[in-house]
């Protein structure tokens, strides 16, 4: 699982996070892994000065891992 904060006006990725780095040592992708990615992307975005984003779930339903990622990113300080 991965997440990116992209600046569409400049066409560049501001910050990114993935389950490979967020949950090292954890196998598979579950809600806990998704939450770790959400926390990491939220922390990195805040460090880069980004506080508001638009959440694009890429066509996936808002439940399970997608919901866990979003809730953890909100807890880390992102608004969307």
PDB file of N, CA and C in Angstrom:
ATOM      1  N   UNK A   1       0.848  -1.159   0.000  1.00  0.00           N
ATOM      2  CA  UNK A   1       0.000   0.000   0.000  1.00  0.00           C
ATOM      3  C   UNK A   1       0.900   1.230   0.000  1.00  0.00           C
ATOM      4  N   UNK A   2       0.464   2.257  -0.694  1.00  0.00           N
ATOM      5  CA  UNK A   2       1.250   3.480  -0.732  1.00  0.00           C
ATOM      6  C   UNK A   2       0.320   4.689  -0.744  1.00  0.00           C
ATOM      7  N   UNK A   3       0.878   5.827  -0.397  1.00  0.00           N
ATOM      8  CA  UNK A   3       0.147   7.103  -0.422  1.00  0.00           C
ATOM      9  C   UNK A   3       1.116   8.187  -0.860  1.00  0.00           C
ATOM     10  N   UNK A   4       0.595   9.156  -1.583  1.00  0.00           N
ATOM     11  CA  UNK A   4       1.396  10.283  -2.041  1.00  0.00           C
ATOM     12  C   UNK A   4       0.634  11.579  -1.823  1.00  0.00           C
ATOM     13  N   UNK A   5       1.364  12.629  -1.557  1.00  0.00           N
ATOM     14  CA  UNK A   5       0.807  13.974  -1.576  1.00  0.00           C
ATOM     15  C   UNK A   5       1.408  14.632  -2.807  1.00  0.00           C
ATOM     16  N   UNK A   6       0.537  14.979  -3.759  1.00  0.00           N
ATOM     17  CA  UNK A   6       0.969  15.503  -5.045  1.00  0.00           C
ATOM     18  C   UNK A   6       0.499  16.935  -5.192  1.00  0.00           C
ATOM     19  N   UNK A   7       1.393  17.806  -5.650  1.00  0.00           N
ATOM     20  CA  UNK A   7       1.037  19.187  -5.979  1.00  0.00           C
ATOM     21  C   UNK A   7       0.659  19.205  -7.455  1.00  0.00           C
ATOM     22  N   UNK A   8      -0.644  19.225  -7.748  1.00  0.00           N
ATOM     23  CA  UNK A   8      -1.115  19.165  -9.131  1.00  0.00           C
ATOM     24  C   UNK A   8      -0.741  20.395  -9.940  1.00  0.00           C
ATOM     25  N   UNK A   9      -0.630  21.538  -9.296  1.00  0.00           N
ATOM     26  CA  UNK A   9      -0.292  22.755 -10.038  1.00  0.00           C
ATOM     27  C   UNK A   9       1.134  22.715 -10.575  1.00  0.00           C
ATOM     28  N   UNK A  10       2.036  22.061  -9.860  1.00  0.00           N
ATOM     29  CA  UNK A  10       3.419  21.945 -10.306  1.00  0.00           C
ATOM     30  C   UNK A  10       3.736  20.569 -10.886  1.00  0.00           C
ATOM     31  N   UNK A  11       2.819  19.628 -10.723  1.00  0.00           N
ATOM     32  CA  UNK A  11       3.022  18.292 -11.261  1.00  0.00           C
ATOM     33  C   UNK A  11       4.145  17.520 -10.600  1.00  0.00           C
ATOM     34  N   UNK A  12       4.257  17.630  -9.280  1.00  0.00           N
ATOM     35  CA  UNK A  12       5.327  16.917  -8.581  1.00  0.00           C
ATOM     36  C   UNK A  12       4.801  16.294  -7.293  1.00  0.00           C
ATOM     37  N   UNK A  13       5.460  15.241  -6.873  1.00  0.00           N
ATOM     38  CA  UNK A  13       5.121  14.584  -5.620  1.00  0.00           C
ATOM     39  C   UNK A  13       5.824  15.307  -4.485  1.00  0.00           C
ATOM     40  N   UNK A  14       5.052  15.740  -3.495  1.00  0.00           N
ATOM     41  CA  UNK A  14       5.610  16.457  -2.351  1.00  0.00           C
ATOM     42  C   UNK A  14       6.195  15.464  -1.353  1.00  0.00           C
ATOM     43  N   UNK A  15       5.399  14.487  -0.931  1.00  0.00           N
ATOM     44  CA  UNK A  15       5.860  13.426  -0.031  1.00  0.00           C
ATOM     45  C   UNK A  15       5.180  12.117  -0.416  1.00  0.00           C
ATOM     46  N   UNK A  16       5.776  11.022  -0.014  1.00  0.00           N
ATOM     47  CA  UNK A  16       5.212   9.704  -0.282  1.00  0.00           C
ATOM     48  C   UNK A  16       5.547   8.772   0.877  1.00  0.00           C
ATOM     49  N   UNK A  17       4.734   7.728   1.021  1.00  0.00           N
ATOM     50  CA  UNK A  17       4.976   6.705   2.034  1.00  0.00           C
ATOM     51  C   UNK A  17       4.419   5.390   1.508  1.00  0.00           C
ATOM     52  N   UNK A  18       5.025   4.302   1.933  1.00  0.00           N
ATOM     53  CA  UNK A  18       4.539   2.991   1.505  1.00  0.00           C
ATOM     54  C   UNK A  18       4.577   2.023   2.676  1.00  0.00           C
ATOM     55  N   UNK A  19       3.887   0.909   2.498  1.00  0.00           N
ATOM     56  CA  UNK A  19       3.851  -0.102   3.550  1.00  0.00           C
ATOM     57  C   UNK A  19       5.201  -0.771   3.732  1.00  0.00           C
ATOM     58  N   UNK A  20       6.054  -0.717   2.723  1.00  0.00           N
ATOM     59  CA  UNK A  20       7.388  -1.313   2.826  1.00  0.00           C
ATOM     60  C   UNK A  20       8.198  -0.605   3.905  1.00  0.00           C
ATOM     61  N   UNK A  21       8.107   0.716   3.957  1.00  0.00           N
ATOM     62  CA  UNK A  21       8.884   1.468   4.942  1.00  0.00           C
ATOM     63  C   UNK A  21       8.114   1.750   6.226  1.00  0.00           C
ATOM     64  N   UNK A  22       6.792   1.826   6.142  1.00  0.00           N
ATOM     65  CA  UNK A  22       5.997   2.195   7.313  1.00  0.00           C
ATOM     66  C   UNK A  22       5.852   1.059   8.307  1.00  0.00           C
ATOM     67  N   UNK A  23       5.772  -0.151   7.818  1.00  0.00           N
ATOM     68  CA  UNK A  23       5.541  -1.296   8.695  1.00  0.00           C
ATOM     69  C   UNK A  23       6.581  -2.374   8.438  1.00  0.00           C
ATOM     70  N   UNK A  24       7.820  -2.027   8.610  1.00  0.00           N
ATOM     71  CA  UNK A  24       8.910  -2.988   8.375  1.00  0.00           C
ATOM     72  C   UNK A  24       8.745  -4.185   9.300  1.00  0.00           C
ATOM     73  N   UNK A  25       8.880  -5.350   8.742  1.00  0.00           N
ATOM     74  CA  UNK A  25       8.779  -6.562   9.524  1.00  0.00           C
ATOM     75  C   UNK A  25       7.381  -7.140   9.612  1.00  0.00           C
ATOM     76  N   UNK A  26       6.388  -6.426   9.098  1.00  0.00           N
ATOM     77  CA  UNK A  26       5.012  -6.904   9.117  1.00  0.00           C
ATOM     78  C   UNK A  26       4.703  -7.470   7.744  1.00  0.00           C
ATOM     79  N   UNK A  27       4.180  -8.684   7.706  1.00  0.00           N
ATOM     80  CA  UNK A  27       3.874  -9.287   6.411  1.00  0.00           C
ATOM     81  C   UNK A  27       2.433  -8.992   6.034  1.00  0.00           C
ATOM     82  N   UNK A  28       2.201  -8.815   4.747  1.00  0.00           N
ATOM     83  CA  UNK A  28       0.859  -8.559   4.247  1.00  0.00           C
ATOM     84  C   UNK A  28       0.445  -7.115   4.420  1.00  0.00           C
ATOM     85  N   UNK A  29      -0.720  -6.824   3.925  1.00  0.00           N
ATOM     86  CA  UNK A  29      -1.251  -5.467   4.054  1.00  0.00           C
ATOM     87  C   UNK A  29      -2.613  -5.560   4.725  1.00  0.00           C
ATOM     88  N   UNK A  30      -2.662  -5.135   5.964  1.00  0.00           N
ATOM     89  CA  UNK A  30      -3.911  -5.163   6.709  1.00  0.00           C
ATOM     90  C   UNK A  30      -4.209  -3.772   7.242  1.00  0.00           C
ATOM     91  N   UNK A  31      -5.223  -3.657   8.073  1.00  0.00           N
ATOM     92  CA  UNK A  31      -5.612  -2.339   8.591  1.00  0.00           C
ATOM     93  C   UNK A  31      -4.495  -1.694   9.406  1.00  0.00           C
ATOM     94  N   UNK A  32      -3.732  -2.483  10.150  1.00  0.00           N
ATOM     95  CA  UNK A  32      -2.647  -1.917  10.953  1.00  0.00           C
ATOM     96  C   UNK A  32      -1.544  -1.361  10.053  1.00  0.00           C
ATOM     97  N   UNK A  33      -1.239  -2.058   9.001  1.00  0.00           N
ATOM     98  CA  UNK A  33      -0.237  -1.588   8.051  1.00  0.00           C
ATOM     99  C   UNK A  33      -0.715  -0.317   7.364  1.00  0.00           C
ATOM    100  N   UNK A  34      -1.978  -0.293   6.966  1.00  0.00           N
ATOM    101  CA  UNK A  34      -2.549   0.888   6.316  1.00  0.00           C
ATOM    102  C   UNK A  34      -2.528   2.091   7.260  1.00  0.00           C
ATOM    103  N   UNK A  35      -2.814   1.867   8.529  1.00  0.00           N
ATOM    104  CA  UNK A  35      -2.766   2.944   9.501  1.00  0.00           C
ATOM    105  C   UNK A  35      -1.338   3.468   9.669  1.00  0.00           C
ATOM    106  N   UNK A  36      -0.362   2.579   9.623  1.00  0.00           N
ATOM    107  CA  UNK A  36       1.042   3.006   9.720  1.00  0.00           C
ATOM    108  C   UNK A  36       1.412   3.876   8.527  1.00  0.00           C
ATOM    109  N   UNK A  37       0.936   3.527   7.341  1.00  0.00           N
ATOM    110  CA  UNK A  37       1.186   4.343   6.148  1.00  0.00           C
ATOM    111  C   UNK A  37       0.498   5.698   6.301  1.00  0.00           C
ATOM    112  N   UNK A  38      -0.708   5.711   6.819  1.00  0.00           N
ATOM    113  CA  UNK A  38      -1.435   6.967   7.037  1.00  0.00           C
ATOM    114  C   UNK A  38      -0.724   7.894   8.009  1.00  0.00           C
ATOM    115  N   UNK A  39      -0.233   7.322   9.108  1.00  0.00           N
ATOM    116  CA  UNK A  39       0.515   8.133  10.080  1.00  0.00           C
ATOM    117  C   UNK A  39       1.782   8.704   9.457  1.00  0.00           C
ATOM    118  N   UNK A  40       2.488   7.872   8.703  1.00  0.00           N
ATOM    119  CA  UNK A  40       3.740   8.299   8.090  1.00  0.00           C
ATOM    120  C   UNK A  40       3.506   9.396   7.055  1.00  0.00           C
ATOM    121  N   UNK A  41       2.501   9.247   6.211  1.00  0.00           N
ATOM    122  CA  UNK A  41       2.231  10.265   5.197  1.00  0.00           C
ATOM    123  C   UNK A  41       1.774  11.560   5.865  1.00  0.00           C
ATOM    124  N   UNK A  42       1.004  11.451   6.942  1.00  0.00           N
ATOM    125  CA  UNK A  42       0.574  12.640   7.669  1.00  0.00           C
ATOM    126  C   UNK A  42       1.744  13.386   8.295  1.00  0.00           C
ATOM    127  N   UNK A  43       2.647  12.650   8.908  1.00  0.00           N
ATOM    128  CA  UNK A  43       3.823  13.264   9.535  1.00  0.00           C
ATOM    129  C   UNK A  43       4.718  13.930   8.490  1.00  0.00           C
ATOM    130  N   UNK A  44       4.942  13.237   7.387  1.00  0.00           N
ATOM    131  CA  UNK A  44       5.805  13.793   6.342  1.00  0.00           C
ATOM    132  C   UNK A  44       5.163  15.017   5.687  1.00  0.00           C
ATOM    133  N   UNK A  45       3.868  14.981   5.480  1.00  0.00           N
ATOM    134  CA  UNK A  45       3.186  16.124   4.876  1.00  0.00           C
ATOM    135  C   UNK A  45       3.253  17.340   5.794  1.00  0.00           C
ATOM    136  N   UNK A  46       3.020  17.133   7.074  1.00  0.00           N
ATOM    137  CA  UNK A  46       3.108  18.248   8.034  1.00  0.00           C
ATOM    138  C   UNK A  46       4.523  18.813   8.065  1.00  0.00           C
ATOM    139  N   UNK A  47       5.526  17.960   8.004  1.00  0.00           N
ATOM    140  CA  UNK A  47       6.918  18.415   7.999  1.00  0.00           C
ATOM    141  C   UNK A  47       7.227  19.220   6.738  1.00  0.00           C
ATOM    142  N   UNK A  48       6.538  18.916   5.641  1.00  0.00           N
ATOM    143  CA  UNK A  48       6.737  19.644   4.385  1.00  0.00           C
ATOM    144  C   UNK A  48       5.860  20.890   4.297  1.00  0.00           C
ATOM    145  N   UNK A  49       5.068  21.151   5.345  1.00  0.00           N
ATOM    146  CA  UNK A  49       4.231  22.345   5.372  1.00  0.00           C
ATOM    147  C   UNK A  49       2.862  22.174   4.740  1.00  0.00           C
ATOM    148  N   UNK A  50       2.450  20.948   4.514  1.00  0.00           N
ATOM    149  CA  UNK A  50       1.138  20.671   3.913  1.00  0.00           C
ATOM    150  C   UNK A  50       0.177  20.276   5.020  1.00  0.00           C
ATOM    151  N   UNK A  51      -0.966  20.956   5.092  1.00  0.00           N
ATOM    152  CA  UNK A  51      -1.958  20.620   6.108  1.00  0.00           C
ATOM    153  C   UNK A  51      -3.299  20.208   5.504  1.00  0.00           C
ATOM    154  N   UNK A  52      -3.601  20.669   4.297  1.00  0.00           N
ATOM    155  CA  UNK A  52      -4.865  20.320   3.652  1.00  0.00           C
ATOM    156  C   UNK A  52      -4.610  19.580   2.352  1.00  0.00           C
ATOM    157  N   UNK A  53      -5.344  18.493   2.158  1.00  0.00           N
ATOM    158  CA  UNK A  53      -5.214  17.689   0.951  1.00  0.00           C
ATOM    159  C   UNK A  53      -6.601  17.260   0.479  1.00  0.00           C
ATOM    160  N   UNK A  54      -6.658  16.773  -0.738  1.00  0.00           N
ATOM    161  CA  UNK A  54      -7.857  16.139  -1.265  1.00  0.00           C
ATOM    162  C   UNK A  54      -7.578  14.648  -1.282  1.00  0.00           C
ATOM    163  N   UNK A  55      -8.444  13.864  -0.678  1.00  0.00           N
ATOM    164  CA  UNK A  55      -8.230  12.428  -0.570  1.00  0.00           C
ATOM    165  C   UNK A  55      -8.832  11.738  -1.784  1.00  0.00           C
ATOM    166  N   UNK A  56      -7.982  11.169  -2.625  1.00  0.00           N
ATOM    167  CA  UNK A  56      -8.413  10.429  -3.808  1.00  0.00           C
ATOM    168  C   UNK A  56      -8.184   8.954  -3.525  1.00  0.00           C
ATOM    169  N   UNK A  57      -9.256   8.225  -3.355  1.00  0.00           N
ATOM    170  CA  UNK A  57      -9.143   6.810  -2.989  1.00  0.00           C
ATOM    171  C   UNK A  57      -8.956   5.910  -4.192  1.00  0.00           C
ATOM    172  N   UNK A  58      -8.827   6.494  -5.373  1.00  0.00           N
ATOM    173  CA  UNK A  58      -8.512   5.734  -6.571  1.00  0.00           C
ATOM    174  C   UNK A  58      -9.563   4.718  -6.968  1.00  0.00           C
ATOM    175  N   UNK A  59     -10.816   4.979  -6.686  1.00  0.00           N
ATOM    176  CA  UNK A  59     -11.879   4.062  -7.056  1.00  0.00           C
ATOM    177  C   UNK A  59     -12.163   2.971  -6.039  1.00  0.00           C
ATOM    178  N   UNK A  60     -11.338   2.874  -5.005  1.00  0.00           N
ATOM    179  CA  UNK A  60     -11.567   1.866  -3.971  1.00  0.00           C
ATOM    180  C   UNK A  60     -12.665   2.346  -3.020  1.00  0.00           C
ATOM    181  N   UNK A  61     -13.438   1.429  -2.494  1.00  0.00           N
ATOM    182  CA  UNK A  61     -14.473   1.781  -1.531  1.00  0.00           C
ATOM    183  C   UNK A  61     -13.836   2.299  -0.250  1.00  0.00           C
ATOM    184  N   UNK A  62     -14.546   3.211   0.409  1.00  0.00           N
ATOM    185  CA  UNK A  62     -14.031   3.797   1.644  1.00  0.00           C
ATOM    186  C   UNK A  62     -14.402   2.889   2.819  1.00  0.00           C
ATOM    187  N   UNK A  63     -13.621   1.845   3.011  1.00  0.00           N
ATOM    188  CA  UNK A  63     -13.756   0.958   4.163  1.00  0.00           C
ATOM    189  C   UNK A  63     -12.472   0.156   4.284  1.00  0.00           C
ATOM    190  N   UNK A  64     -12.324  -0.543   5.353  1.00  0.00           N
ATOM    191  CA  UNK A  64     -11.154  -1.395   5.542  1.00  0.00           C
ATOM    192  C   UNK A  64      -9.851  -0.622   5.548  1.00  0.00           C
ATOM    193  N   UNK A  65      -8.924  -1.038   4.688  1.00  0.00           N
ATOM    194  CA  UNK A  65      -7.585  -0.440   4.659  1.00  0.00           C
ATOM    195  C   UNK A  65      -7.604   1.016   4.235  1.00  0.00           C
ATOM    196  N   UNK A  66      -8.455   1.366   3.279  1.00  0.00           N
ATOM    197  CA  UNK A  66      -8.536   2.758   2.819  1.00  0.00           C
ATOM    198  C   UNK A  66      -9.008   3.651   3.963  1.00  0.00           C
ATOM    199  N   UNK A  67     -10.012   3.202   4.687  1.00  0.00           N
ATOM    200  CA  UNK A  67     -10.521   3.966   5.824  1.00  0.00           C
ATOM    201  C   UNK A  67      -9.459   4.082   6.923  1.00  0.00           C
ATOM    202  N   UNK A  68      -8.739   3.015   7.195  1.00  0.00           N
ATOM    203  CA  UNK A  68      -7.695   3.035   8.227  1.00  0.00           C
ATOM    204  C   UNK A  68      -6.601   4.020   7.869  1.00  0.00           C
ATOM    205  N   UNK A  69      -6.189   4.034   6.602  1.00  0.00           N
ATOM    206  CA  UNK A  69      -5.167   4.980   6.151  1.00  0.00           C
ATOM    207  C   UNK A  69      -5.653   6.414   6.327  1.00  0.00           C
ATOM    208  N   UNK A  70      -6.878   6.693   5.896  1.00  0.00           N
ATOM    209  CA  UNK A  70      -7.429   8.049   5.981  1.00  0.00           C
ATOM    210  C   UNK A  70      -7.553   8.516   7.430  1.00  0.00           C
ATOM    211  N   UNK A  71      -8.061   7.673   8.296  1.00  0.00           N
ATOM    212  CA  UNK A  71      -8.230   8.058   9.700  1.00  0.00           C
ATOM    213  C   UNK A  71      -6.887   8.325  10.372  1.00  0.00           C
ATOM    214  N   UNK A  72      -5.884   7.518  10.066  1.00  0.00           N
ATOM    215  CA  UNK A  72      -4.558   7.723  10.660  1.00  0.00           C
ATOM    216  C   UNK A  72      -3.922   9.002  10.131  1.00  0.00           C
ATOM    217  N   UNK A  73      -4.125   9.310   8.867  1.00  0.00           N
ATOM    218  CA  UNK A  73      -3.589  10.558   8.304  1.00  0.00           C
ATOM    219  C   UNK A  73      -4.259  11.765   8.955  1.00  0.00           C
ATOM    220  N   UNK A  74      -5.559  11.661   9.211  1.00  0.00           N
ATOM    221  CA  UNK A  74      -6.260  12.753   9.909  1.00  0.00           C
ATOM    222  C   UNK A  74      -5.720  12.919  11.320  1.00  0.00           C
ATOM    223  N   UNK A  75      -5.510  11.821  12.014  1.00  0.00           N
ATOM    224  CA  UNK A  75      -4.961  11.881  13.370  1.00  0.00           C
ATOM    225  C   UNK A  75      -3.566  12.488  13.387  1.00  0.00           C
ATOM    226  N   UNK A  76      -2.826  12.314  12.283  1.00  0.00           N
ATOM    227  CA  UNK A  76      -1.468  12.869  12.178  1.00  0.00           C
ATOM    228  C   UNK A  76      -1.499  14.348  11.803  1.00  0.00           C
ATOM    229  N   UNK A  77      -2.693  14.903  11.541  1.00  0.00           N
ATOM    230  CA  UNK A  77      -2.795  16.332  11.305  1.00  0.00           C
ATOM    231  C   UNK A  77      -3.236  16.779   9.933  1.00  0.00           C
ATOM    232  N   UNK A  78      -3.477  15.854   9.013  1.00  0.00           N
ATOM    233  CA  UNK A  78      -3.944  16.264   7.688  1.00  0.00           C
ATOM    234  C   UNK A  78      -5.446  16.531   7.710  1.00  0.00           C
ATOM    235  N   UNK A  79      -5.864  17.526   6.962  1.00  0.00           N
ATOM    236  CA  UNK A  79      -7.297  17.842   6.830  1.00  0.00           C
ATOM    237  C   UNK A  79      -7.714  17.538   5.407  1.00  0.00           C
ATOM    238  N   UNK A  80      -8.799  16.779   5.270  1.00  0.00           N
ATOM    239  CA  UNK A  80      -9.387  16.527   3.955  1.00  0.00           C
ATOM    240  C   UNK A  80     -10.831  16.150   4.087  1.00  0.00           C
TER     241      UNK A  80
END
